[in-house]
Amino acid sequence: MEEESIISLFGKVVKGDEAAFRLLFETYSRRLFHVAYYYLNSRELAEEAILDVFTVIWQKRETLSHVKEPERYLYISVKNQALHYLRRGYVQEKDPFSLYEIELIPDSDTPEKSLMDEEYQALVQQAIDSLPPKCREVFRLVLSDKLKNREIADVLGISEKTVNIHIAKAYERIAEFVNRRYKEGGIK
């Protein structure tokens, strides 16, 4: 993303634009994940650090109008959050799969890899199917229909905060499901 675009996007986030915030997260979360992972050597902690940084950005967005280099601000924030975790002594067992890998299945080069990718996708689908009904419905509206949280809240007649909780629970349960199956003997 060009510097002017990120400055404009960050400016919209500061003004409370949820779509801009979502785009900012989608654009930078994977790149920032690598920074956090470099320091923490734990996928789960790296993901948590990213979510913490973006949560703080959204909560304190109105106070961030002074940020002139948003990309630099994001990277420094993630680095500082990772270092904060290290100072606190957070140590975590490394997870074989992360939330970011759920959506990042690489292209298949070989029939064996293609089969493994299909099995993994089937496992993720099983995880989604195992979600509680309302949580599954919210998650599918986000992924399939690409609805905004406010739109989902309106459609389902629930609060936006409840939508956020369902989304967070869905990602957490999917990751737990996949990790548990993987630890039980791999993808079947």
N, C-alpha and C. Protein backbone atom coordinates (compact mmCIF):
# COMPACT_ATOMS: atom_id res chain seq x y z
N MET A 1 0.85 -1.17 0.00
CA MET A 1 0.00 0.00 0.00
C MET A 1 0.90 1.23 0.00
N GLU A 2 0.57 2.19 -0.84
CA GLU A 2 1.37 3.41 -0.93
C GLU A 2 1.22 4.25 0.33
N GLU A 3 2.25 5.07 0.58
CA GLU A 3 2.27 5.87 1.80
C GLU A 3 1.06 6.80 1.90
N GLU A 4 0.69 7.43 0.78
CA GLU A 4 -0.48 8.33 0.80
C GLU A 4 -1.75 7.56 1.14
N SER A 5 -1.87 6.35 0.61
CA SER A 5 -3.06 5.53 0.86
C SER A 5 -3.16 5.15 2.33
N ILE A 6 -2.04 4.74 2.93
CA ILE A 6 -2.06 4.34 4.33
C ILE A 6 -2.36 5.53 5.23
N ILE A 7 -1.84 6.69 4.87
CA ILE A 7 -2.12 7.90 5.66
C ILE A 7 -3.61 8.23 5.59
N SER A 8 -4.17 8.14 4.39
CA SER A 8 -5.60 8.40 4.20
C SER A 8 -6.44 7.37 4.95
N LEU A 9 -6.06 6.10 4.83
CA LEU A 9 -6.78 5.02 5.50
C LEU A 9 -6.73 5.19 7.02
N PHE A 10 -5.56 5.50 7.53
CA PHE A 10 -5.40 5.68 8.98
C PHE A 10 -6.23 6.88 9.45
N GLY A 11 -6.27 7.93 8.63
CA GLY A 11 -7.09 9.09 8.96
C GLY A 11 -8.56 8.73 9.09
N LYS A 12 -9.02 7.84 8.22
CA LYS A 12 -10.42 7.39 8.30
C LYS A 12 -10.65 6.57 9.57
N VAL A 13 -9.67 5.77 9.94
CA VAL A 13 -9.78 4.98 11.17
C VAL A 13 -9.89 5.91 12.37
N VAL A 14 -9.06 6.94 12.39
CA VAL A 14 -9.08 7.92 13.48
C VAL A 14 -10.46 8.55 13.61
N LYS A 15 -11.16 8.70 12.47
CA LYS A 15 -12.50 9.30 12.47
C LYS A 15 -13.60 8.28 12.77
N GLY A 16 -13.21 7.01 12.99
CA GLY A 16 -14.19 6.01 13.39
C GLY A 16 -14.78 5.18 12.26
N ASP A 17 -14.15 5.17 11.11
CA ASP A 17 -14.64 4.41 9.95
C ASP A 17 -14.30 2.92 10.13
N GLU A 18 -15.33 2.11 10.39
CA GLU A 18 -15.11 0.68 10.64
C GLU A 18 -14.58 -0.06 9.42
N ALA A 19 -15.07 0.31 8.24
CA ALA A 19 -14.59 -0.35 7.02
C ALA A 19 -13.10 -0.07 6.82
N ALA A 20 -12.68 1.14 7.11
CA ALA A 20 -11.26 1.50 7.00
C ALA A 20 -10.45 0.71 8.02
N PHE A 21 -10.99 0.56 9.22
CA PHE A 21 -10.29 -0.21 10.26
C PHE A 21 -10.14 -1.66 9.83
N ARG A 22 -11.21 -2.23 9.28
CA ARG A 22 -11.15 -3.62 8.81
C ARG A 22 -10.10 -3.77 7.71
N LEU A 23 -10.07 -2.80 6.77
CA LEU A 23 -9.09 -2.84 5.68
C LEU A 23 -7.67 -2.70 6.23
N LEU A 24 -7.49 -1.82 7.20
CA LEU A 24 -6.18 -1.66 7.83
C LEU A 24 -5.74 -2.98 8.46
N PHE A 25 -6.64 -3.61 9.18
CA PHE A 25 -6.33 -4.89 9.81
C PHE A 25 -5.99 -5.95 8.76
N GLU A 26 -6.84 -6.06 7.73
CA GLU A 26 -6.61 -7.06 6.69
C GLU A 26 -5.30 -6.82 5.94
N THR A 27 -4.96 -5.56 5.74
CA THR A 27 -3.75 -5.21 4.99
C THR A 27 -2.49 -5.49 5.79
N TYR A 28 -2.51 -5.20 7.08
CA TYR A 28 -1.28 -5.25 7.86
C TYR A 28 -1.15 -6.40 8.84
N SER A 29 -2.23 -7.06 9.20
CA SER A 29 -2.13 -8.06 10.28
C SER A 29 -1.14 -9.18 9.97
N ARG A 30 -1.13 -9.66 8.75
CA ARG A 30 -0.21 -10.77 8.43
C ARG A 30 1.24 -10.30 8.45
N ARG A 31 1.50 -9.11 7.93
CA ARG A 31 2.88 -8.59 7.94
C ARG A 31 3.33 -8.35 9.38
N LEU A 32 2.44 -7.78 10.17
CA LEU A 32 2.78 -7.49 11.56
C LEU A 32 2.94 -8.78 12.37
N PHE A 33 2.20 -9.80 11.98
CA PHE A 33 2.32 -11.10 12.64
C PHE A 33 3.77 -11.58 12.61
N HIS A 34 4.43 -11.40 11.47
CA HIS A 34 5.81 -11.86 11.34
C HIS A 34 6.75 -11.10 12.28
N VAL A 35 6.47 -9.83 12.49
CA VAL A 35 7.28 -9.04 13.43
C VAL A 35 7.09 -9.59 14.84
N ALA A 36 5.84 -9.79 15.23
CA ALA A 36 5.56 -10.29 16.58
C ALA A 36 6.14 -11.70 16.76
N TYR A 37 5.99 -12.52 15.74
CA TYR A 37 6.49 -13.89 15.83
C TYR A 37 8.01 -13.92 15.95
N TYR A 38 8.68 -12.99 15.29
CA TYR A 38 10.14 -12.89 15.36
C TYR A 38 10.58 -12.74 16.82
N TYR A 39 9.86 -11.94 17.58
CA TYR A 39 10.24 -11.70 18.98
C TYR A 39 9.72 -12.80 19.92
N LEU A 40 8.52 -13.30 19.66
CA LEU A 40 7.85 -14.17 20.62
C LEU A 40 8.02 -15.67 20.34
N ASN A 41 8.33 -16.03 19.11
CA ASN A 41 8.46 -17.44 18.72
C ASN A 41 7.25 -18.27 19.12
N SER A 42 6.10 -17.64 19.12
CA SER A 42 4.85 -18.34 19.43
C SER A 42 3.76 -17.74 18.56
N ARG A 43 3.12 -18.60 17.81
CA ARG A 43 2.04 -18.10 16.94
C ARG A 43 0.90 -17.52 17.75
N GLU A 44 0.52 -18.22 18.80
CA GLU A 44 -0.60 -17.76 19.61
C GLU A 44 -0.31 -16.40 20.23
N LEU A 45 0.87 -16.25 20.81
CA LEU A 45 1.22 -14.95 21.41
C LEU A 45 1.36 -13.87 20.35
N ALA A 46 1.90 -14.21 19.19
CA ALA A 46 2.03 -13.23 18.11
C ALA A 46 0.65 -12.76 17.66
N GLU A 47 -0.29 -13.70 17.51
CA GLU A 47 -1.66 -13.34 17.14
C GLU A 47 -2.28 -12.44 18.20
N GLU A 48 -2.07 -12.82 19.46
CA GLU A 48 -2.62 -12.04 20.56
C GLU A 48 -2.04 -10.63 20.58
N ALA A 49 -0.75 -10.52 20.32
CA ALA A 49 -0.11 -9.20 20.29
C ALA A 49 -0.72 -8.34 19.19
N ILE A 50 -0.94 -8.92 18.02
CA ILE A 50 -1.55 -8.19 16.90
C ILE A 50 -2.95 -7.72 17.29
N LEU A 51 -3.74 -8.63 17.84
CA LEU A 51 -5.10 -8.26 18.24
C LEU A 51 -5.09 -7.18 19.31
N ASP A 52 -4.16 -7.28 20.26
CA ASP A 52 -4.06 -6.25 21.30
C ASP A 52 -3.75 -4.89 20.70
N VAL A 53 -2.81 -4.85 19.76
CA VAL A 53 -2.43 -3.58 19.13
C VAL A 53 -3.62 -2.98 18.38
N PHE A 54 -4.31 -3.80 17.59
CA PHE A 54 -5.44 -3.27 16.83
C PHE A 54 -6.61 -2.89 17.74
N THR A 55 -6.78 -3.61 18.83
CA THR A 55 -7.82 -3.24 19.80
C THR A 55 -7.53 -1.87 20.40
N VAL A 56 -6.30 -1.66 20.78
CA VAL A 56 -5.91 -0.36 21.36
C VAL A 56 -6.06 0.75 20.32
N ILE A 57 -5.68 0.47 19.08
CA ILE A 57 -5.83 1.48 18.03
C ILE A 57 -7.29 1.88 17.90
N TRP A 58 -8.18 0.89 17.87
CA TRP A 58 -9.60 1.22 17.72
C TRP A 58 -10.13 1.95 18.95
N GLN A 59 -9.77 1.49 20.13
CA GLN A 59 -10.26 2.12 21.35
C GLN A 59 -9.74 3.54 21.53
N LYS A 60 -8.51 3.80 21.08
CA LYS A 60 -7.90 5.12 21.28
C LYS A 60 -7.77 5.89 19.97
N ARG A 61 -8.55 5.51 18.97
CA ARG A 61 -8.42 6.08 17.63
C ARG A 61 -8.51 7.60 17.62
N GLU A 62 -9.36 8.16 18.46
CA GLU A 62 -9.56 9.61 18.46
C GLU A 62 -8.33 10.37 18.95
N THR A 63 -7.44 9.67 19.64
CA THR A 63 -6.23 10.33 20.16
C THR A 63 -5.03 10.12 19.25
N LEU A 64 -5.24 9.47 18.10
CA LEU A 64 -4.13 9.12 17.22
C LEU A 64 -3.99 10.03 16.00
N SER A 65 -4.66 11.16 16.02
CA SER A 65 -4.59 12.06 14.86
C SER A 65 -3.19 12.64 14.68
N HIS A 66 -2.37 12.58 15.70
CA HIS A 66 -1.00 13.10 15.62
C HIS A 66 -0.05 12.17 14.86
N VAL A 67 -0.46 10.93 14.60
CA VAL A 67 0.41 9.95 13.93
C VAL A 67 0.58 10.35 12.47
N LYS A 68 1.81 10.65 12.10
CA LYS A 68 2.12 11.10 10.73
C LYS A 68 2.61 9.95 9.85
N GLU A 69 3.16 8.90 10.46
CA GLU A 69 3.65 7.74 9.71
C GLU A 69 2.96 6.49 10.26
N PRO A 70 1.73 6.23 9.80
CA PRO A 70 0.95 5.11 10.36
C PRO A 70 1.62 3.75 10.23
N GLU A 71 2.26 3.48 9.11
CA GLU A 71 2.89 2.17 8.94
C GLU A 71 3.99 1.98 9.98
N ARG A 72 4.80 2.97 10.15
CA ARG A 72 5.87 2.92 11.16
C ARG A 72 5.26 2.75 12.55
N TYR A 73 4.18 3.49 12.81
CA TYR A 73 3.49 3.41 14.09
C TYR A 73 3.01 1.97 14.36
N LEU A 74 2.45 1.33 13.33
CA LEU A 74 1.96 -0.05 13.49
C LEU A 74 3.10 -1.00 13.84
N TYR A 75 4.19 -0.91 13.09
CA TYR A 75 5.31 -1.82 13.34
C TYR A 75 5.93 -1.60 14.72
N ILE A 76 6.08 -0.36 15.11
CA ILE A 76 6.65 -0.06 16.43
C ILE A 76 5.71 -0.53 17.54
N SER A 77 4.40 -0.33 17.33
CA SER A 77 3.42 -0.77 18.33
C SER A 77 3.48 -2.28 18.54
N VAL A 78 3.58 -3.01 17.44
CA VAL A 78 3.64 -4.48 17.53
C VAL A 78 4.94 -4.91 18.20
N LYS A 79 6.03 -4.29 17.81
CA LYS A 79 7.32 -4.62 18.43
C LYS A 79 7.25 -4.36 19.94
N ASN A 80 6.71 -3.21 20.33
CA ASN A 80 6.61 -2.87 21.74
C ASN A 80 5.70 -3.83 22.49
N GLN A 81 4.59 -4.23 21.86
CA GLN A 81 3.68 -5.18 22.50
C GLN A 81 4.38 -6.53 22.69
N ALA A 82 5.13 -6.96 21.69
CA ALA A 82 5.87 -8.23 21.80
C ALA A 82 6.90 -8.15 22.93
N LEU A 83 7.62 -7.04 22.99
CA LEU A 83 8.61 -6.86 24.06
C LEU A 83 7.94 -6.81 25.43
N HIS A 84 6.76 -6.21 25.49
CA HIS A 84 5.99 -6.17 26.73
C HIS A 84 5.65 -7.60 27.17
N TYR A 85 5.23 -8.44 26.24
CA TYR A 85 4.93 -9.83 26.56
C TYR A 85 6.18 -10.54 27.09
N LEU A 86 7.32 -10.28 26.46
CA LEU A 86 8.57 -10.91 26.90
C LEU A 86 8.94 -10.46 28.31
N ARG A 87 8.81 -9.16 28.58
CA ARG A 87 9.13 -8.64 29.92
C ARG A 87 8.22 -9.26 30.97
N ARG A 88 6.98 -9.51 30.60
CA ARG A 88 6.02 -10.12 31.53
C ARG A 88 6.26 -11.61 31.70
N GLY A 89 7.14 -12.16 30.89
CA GLY A 89 7.47 -13.58 31.02
C GLY A 89 6.45 -14.51 30.41
N TYR A 90 5.65 -14.00 29.48
CA TYR A 90 4.67 -14.88 28.82
C TYR A 90 5.42 -15.89 27.97
N VAL A 91 5.23 -17.15 28.30
CA VAL A 91 5.85 -18.23 27.53
C VAL A 91 4.73 -19.16 27.14
N GLN A 92 4.74 -19.56 25.91
CA GLN A 92 3.65 -20.36 25.37
C GLN A 92 4.22 -21.51 24.57
N GLU A 93 3.53 -22.63 24.62
CA GLU A 93 3.92 -23.75 23.75
C GLU A 93 3.63 -23.33 22.31
N LYS A 94 4.54 -23.65 21.42
CA LYS A 94 4.32 -23.31 20.02
C LYS A 94 3.17 -24.13 19.47
N ASP A 95 2.29 -23.47 18.73
CA ASP A 95 1.15 -24.15 18.13
C ASP A 95 1.48 -24.58 16.71
N PRO A 96 1.04 -25.77 16.32
CA PRO A 96 1.31 -26.22 14.96
C PRO A 96 0.52 -25.46 13.91
N PHE A 97 -0.63 -24.90 14.27
CA PHE A 97 -1.43 -24.11 13.34
C PHE A 97 -1.81 -22.81 13.99
N SER A 98 -2.01 -21.79 13.18
CA SER A 98 -2.47 -20.51 13.71
C SER A 98 -3.68 -20.05 12.93
N LEU A 99 -4.35 -19.05 13.45
CA LEU A 99 -5.51 -18.48 12.75
C LEU A 99 -5.13 -17.97 11.38
N TYR A 100 -3.93 -17.45 11.25
CA TYR A 100 -3.52 -16.89 9.97
C TYR A 100 -3.33 -17.98 8.93
N GLU A 101 -3.02 -19.19 9.36
CA GLU A 101 -2.85 -20.27 8.40
C GLU A 101 -4.19 -20.80 7.92
N ILE A 102 -5.25 -20.58 8.66
CA ILE A 102 -6.56 -21.05 8.23
C ILE A 102 -6.90 -20.47 6.86
N GLU A 103 -6.54 -19.23 6.65
CA GLU A 103 -6.86 -18.57 5.39
C GLU A 103 -5.68 -18.57 4.42
N LEU A 104 -4.55 -19.09 4.83
CA LEU A 104 -3.36 -18.99 4.00
C LEU A 104 -2.85 -20.35 3.55
N ILE A 105 -3.72 -21.16 3.00
CA ILE A 105 -3.27 -22.44 2.47
C ILE A 105 -2.54 -22.15 1.16
N PRO A 106 -1.26 -22.50 1.06
CA PRO A 106 -0.51 -22.20 -0.16
C PRO A 106 -1.00 -23.03 -1.34
N ASP A 107 -0.70 -22.56 -2.54
CA ASP A 107 -1.06 -23.30 -3.74
C ASP A 107 -0.37 -24.65 -3.73
N SER A 108 -1.05 -25.62 -4.29
CA SER A 108 -0.52 -26.98 -4.31
C SER A 108 0.37 -27.19 -5.51
N ASP A 109 1.55 -27.81 -5.28
CA ASP A 109 2.48 -28.11 -6.37
C ASP A 109 2.43 -29.59 -6.73
N THR A 110 2.08 -30.43 -5.76
CA THR A 110 2.11 -31.87 -5.97
C THR A 110 0.76 -32.47 -5.61
N PRO A 111 0.45 -33.65 -6.11
CA PRO A 111 -0.81 -34.31 -5.75
C PRO A 111 -0.91 -34.55 -4.24
N GLU A 112 0.23 -34.91 -3.60
CA GLU A 112 0.21 -35.16 -2.16
C GLU A 112 -0.13 -33.89 -1.40
N LYS A 113 0.48 -32.80 -1.81
CA LYS A 113 0.23 -31.51 -1.16
C LYS A 113 -1.22 -31.08 -1.39
N SER A 114 -1.71 -31.31 -2.59
CA SER A 114 -3.08 -30.97 -2.92
C SER A 114 -4.05 -31.74 -2.03
N LEU A 115 -3.78 -33.03 -1.82
CA LEU A 115 -4.61 -33.85 -0.96
C LEU A 115 -4.56 -33.34 0.48
N MET A 116 -3.37 -33.00 0.97
CA MET A 116 -3.24 -32.46 2.33
C MET A 116 -4.01 -31.16 2.47
N ASP A 117 -3.94 -30.30 1.45
CA ASP A 117 -4.67 -29.04 1.49
C ASP A 117 -6.18 -29.28 1.56
N GLU A 118 -6.65 -30.25 0.77
CA GLU A 118 -8.08 -30.58 0.79
C GLU A 118 -8.48 -31.12 2.16
N GLU A 119 -7.64 -31.97 2.75
CA GLU A 119 -7.93 -32.51 4.07
C GLU A 119 -7.94 -31.40 5.12
N TYR A 120 -7.01 -30.47 4.99
CA TYR A 120 -6.96 -29.36 5.94
C TYR A 120 -8.20 -28.48 5.80
N GLN A 121 -8.59 -28.19 4.57
CA GLN A 121 -9.80 -27.39 4.35
C GLN A 121 -11.02 -28.10 4.93
N ALA A 122 -11.08 -29.42 4.76
CA ALA A 122 -12.19 -30.20 5.32
C ALA A 122 -12.18 -30.11 6.84
N LEU A 123 -11.00 -30.15 7.44
CA LEU A 123 -10.87 -30.03 8.89
C LEU A 123 -11.36 -28.66 9.37
N VAL A 124 -10.98 -27.61 8.66
CA VAL A 124 -11.44 -26.27 9.01
C VAL A 124 -12.96 -26.20 8.88
N GLN A 125 -13.51 -26.81 7.83
CA GLN A 125 -14.96 -26.81 7.65
C GLN A 125 -15.64 -27.55 8.80
N GLN A 126 -15.06 -28.68 9.24
CA GLN A 126 -15.60 -29.40 10.40
C GLN A 126 -15.60 -28.50 11.63
N ALA A 127 -14.53 -27.74 11.79
CA ALA A 127 -14.43 -26.83 12.93
C ALA A 127 -15.54 -25.78 12.86
N ILE A 128 -15.76 -25.23 11.69
CA ILE A 128 -16.83 -24.23 11.52
C ILE A 128 -18.18 -24.86 11.81
N ASP A 129 -18.40 -26.07 11.30
CA ASP A 129 -19.67 -26.77 11.52
C ASP A 129 -19.91 -27.09 12.99
N SER A 130 -18.83 -27.22 13.77
CA SER A 130 -18.97 -27.57 15.19
C SER A 130 -19.26 -26.35 16.08
N LEU A 131 -19.23 -25.16 15.50
CA LEU A 131 -19.50 -23.95 16.28
C LEU A 131 -20.96 -23.94 16.73
N PRO A 132 -21.25 -23.29 17.86
CA PRO A 132 -22.65 -23.13 18.25
C PRO A 132 -23.41 -22.40 17.14
N PRO A 133 -24.71 -22.67 16.98
CA PRO A 133 -25.47 -22.15 15.84
C PRO A 133 -25.34 -20.64 15.60
N LYS A 134 -25.52 -19.84 16.63
CA LYS A 134 -25.48 -18.38 16.44
C LYS A 134 -24.07 -17.92 16.07
N CYS A 135 -23.08 -18.50 16.73
CA CYS A 135 -21.68 -18.18 16.45
C CYS A 135 -21.33 -18.55 15.00
N ARG A 136 -21.79 -19.73 14.57
CA ARG A 136 -21.54 -20.19 13.19
C ARG A 136 -22.21 -19.26 12.18
N GLU A 137 -23.43 -18.84 12.50
CA GLU A 137 -24.16 -17.94 11.60
C GLU A 137 -23.43 -16.61 11.44
N VAL A 138 -22.98 -16.04 12.56
CA VAL A 138 -22.24 -14.78 12.52
C VAL A 138 -20.96 -14.95 11.72
N PHE A 139 -20.24 -16.03 11.98
CA PHE A 139 -18.96 -16.27 11.30
C PHE A 139 -19.15 -16.40 9.79
N ARG A 140 -20.18 -17.11 9.38
CA ARG A 140 -20.44 -17.26 7.94
C ARG A 140 -20.85 -15.94 7.30
N LEU A 141 -21.60 -15.12 8.02
CA LEU A 141 -21.97 -13.81 7.47
C LEU A 141 -20.74 -12.93 7.26
N VAL A 142 -19.77 -13.07 8.14
CA VAL A 142 -18.53 -12.30 8.00
C VAL A 142 -17.71 -12.83 6.82
N LEU A 143 -17.49 -14.14 6.78
CA LEU A 143 -16.63 -14.71 5.74
C LEU A 143 -17.29 -14.80 4.38
N SER A 144 -18.49 -15.33 4.32
CA SER A 144 -19.13 -15.57 3.03
C SER A 144 -19.78 -14.32 2.46
N ASP A 145 -20.57 -13.65 3.28
CA ASP A 145 -21.33 -12.50 2.79
C ASP A 145 -20.57 -11.19 2.91
N LYS A 146 -19.42 -11.22 3.61
CA LYS A 146 -18.57 -10.04 3.77
C LYS A 146 -19.35 -8.86 4.38
N LEU A 147 -20.27 -9.17 5.29
CA LEU A 147 -21.03 -8.11 5.95
C LEU A 147 -20.20 -7.46 7.05
N LYS A 148 -20.46 -6.20 7.28
CA LYS A 148 -19.82 -5.48 8.38
C LYS A 148 -20.49 -5.90 9.68
N ASN A 149 -19.79 -5.72 10.78
CA ASN A 149 -20.31 -6.12 12.08
C ASN A 149 -21.64 -5.45 12.39
N ARG A 150 -21.76 -4.18 12.05
CA ARG A 150 -23.00 -3.44 12.31
C ARG A 150 -24.15 -4.04 11.49
N GLU A 151 -23.86 -4.41 10.23
CA GLU A 151 -24.88 -5.00 9.37
C GLU A 151 -25.33 -6.36 9.91
N ILE A 152 -24.38 -7.13 10.39
CA ILE A 152 -24.72 -8.43 10.97
C ILE A 152 -25.60 -8.24 12.20
N ALA A 153 -25.24 -7.27 13.03
CA ALA A 153 -26.03 -6.98 14.23
C ALA A 153 -27.46 -6.62 13.85
N ASP A 154 -27.63 -5.81 12.81
CA ASP A 154 -28.97 -5.42 12.36
C ASP A 154 -29.74 -6.62 11.82
N VAL A 155 -29.08 -7.44 11.02
CA VAL A 155 -29.73 -8.61 10.41
C VAL A 155 -30.20 -9.59 11.48
N LEU A 156 -29.36 -9.83 12.47
CA LEU A 156 -29.66 -10.85 13.49
C LEU A 156 -30.37 -10.28 14.72
N GLY A 157 -30.48 -8.97 14.79
CA GLY A 157 -31.15 -8.35 15.94
C GLY A 157 -30.37 -8.50 17.23
N ILE A 158 -29.05 -8.43 17.13
CA ILE A 158 -28.19 -8.51 18.32
C ILE A 158 -27.29 -7.28 18.33
N SER A 159 -26.61 -7.05 19.43
CA SER A 159 -25.73 -5.88 19.52
C SER A 159 -24.44 -6.12 18.73
N GLU A 160 -23.81 -5.03 18.35
CA GLU A 160 -22.53 -5.13 17.64
C GLU A 160 -21.47 -5.77 18.52
N LYS A 161 -21.53 -5.50 19.82
CA LYS A 161 -20.57 -6.11 20.75
C LYS A 161 -20.74 -7.63 20.76
N THR A 162 -21.98 -8.09 20.71
CA THR A 162 -22.24 -9.53 20.67
C THR A 162 -21.68 -10.14 19.39
N VAL A 163 -21.80 -9.42 18.28
CA VAL A 163 -21.23 -9.88 17.01
C VAL A 163 -19.72 -10.04 17.17
N ASN A 164 -19.06 -9.04 17.75
CA ASN A 164 -17.61 -9.10 17.96
C ASN A 164 -17.22 -10.29 18.82
N ILE A 165 -18.00 -10.55 19.85
CA ILE A 165 -17.72 -11.68 20.74
C ILE A 165 -17.86 -13.00 19.98
N HIS A 166 -18.92 -13.12 19.17
CA HIS A 166 -19.11 -14.34 18.37
C HIS A 166 -17.95 -14.56 17.41
N ILE A 167 -17.49 -13.50 16.77
CA ILE A 167 -16.38 -13.63 15.81
C ILE A 167 -15.11 -14.08 16.53
N ALA A 168 -14.81 -13.45 17.65
CA ALA A 168 -13.62 -13.82 18.41
C ALA A 168 -13.70 -15.27 18.88
N LYS A 169 -14.89 -15.68 19.38
CA LYS A 169 -15.06 -17.07 19.83
C LYS A 169 -14.90 -18.04 18.67
N ALA A 170 -15.43 -17.66 17.50
CA ALA A 170 -15.33 -18.54 16.34
C ALA A 170 -13.87 -18.79 15.98
N TYR A 171 -13.09 -17.72 15.86
CA TYR A 171 -11.68 -17.90 15.52
C TYR A 171 -10.96 -18.73 16.57
N GLU A 172 -11.25 -18.46 17.83
CA GLU A 172 -10.59 -19.19 18.91
C GLU A 172 -10.95 -20.67 18.86
N ARG A 173 -12.24 -20.97 18.68
CA ARG A 173 -12.68 -22.37 18.67
C ARG A 173 -12.17 -23.12 17.43
N ILE A 174 -12.12 -22.43 16.31
CA ILE A 174 -11.61 -23.07 15.09
C ILE A 174 -10.14 -23.43 15.28
N ALA A 175 -9.36 -22.49 15.81
CA ALA A 175 -7.94 -22.75 16.04
C ALA A 175 -7.76 -23.90 17.04
N GLU A 176 -8.56 -23.90 18.11
CA GLU A 176 -8.47 -24.98 19.11
C GLU A 176 -8.83 -26.32 18.48
N PHE A 177 -9.90 -26.34 17.68
CA PHE A 177 -10.34 -27.57 17.03
C PHE A 177 -9.25 -28.14 16.12
N VAL A 178 -8.70 -27.28 15.27
CA VAL A 178 -7.65 -27.71 14.34
C VAL A 178 -6.41 -28.17 15.11
N ASN A 179 -6.00 -27.41 16.11
CA ASN A 179 -4.83 -27.78 16.90
C ASN A 179 -5.04 -29.11 17.62
N ARG A 180 -6.22 -29.28 18.19
CA ARG A 180 -6.52 -30.52 18.92
C ARG A 180 -6.46 -31.72 17.97
N ARG A 181 -7.08 -31.60 16.80
CA ARG A 181 -7.07 -32.69 15.83
C ARG A 181 -5.65 -32.97 15.34
N TYR A 182 -4.90 -31.90 15.14
CA TYR A 182 -3.52 -32.07 14.69
C TYR A 182 -2.70 -32.82 15.74
N LYS A 183 -2.87 -32.44 17.00
CA LYS A 183 -2.11 -33.08 18.08
C LYS A 183 -2.55 -34.52 18.31
N GLU A 184 -3.81 -34.84 17.95
CA GLU A 184 -4.33 -36.20 18.12
C GLU A 184 -3.79 -37.16 17.07
N GLY A 185 -3.07 -36.65 16.10
CA GLY A 185 -2.52 -37.57 15.11
C GLY A 185 -2.53 -37.01 13.71
N GLY A 186 -2.61 -35.73 13.62
CA GLY A 186 -2.53 -35.11 12.29
C GLY A 186 -3.89 -34.94 11.66
N ILE A 187 -3.85 -34.43 10.47
CA ILE A 187 -5.06 -34.18 9.70
C ILE A 187 -5.53 -35.52 9.15
N LYS A 188 -6.81 -35.82 9.39
CA LYS A 188 -7.36 -37.11 8.92
C LYS A 188 -8.40 -36.86 7.87
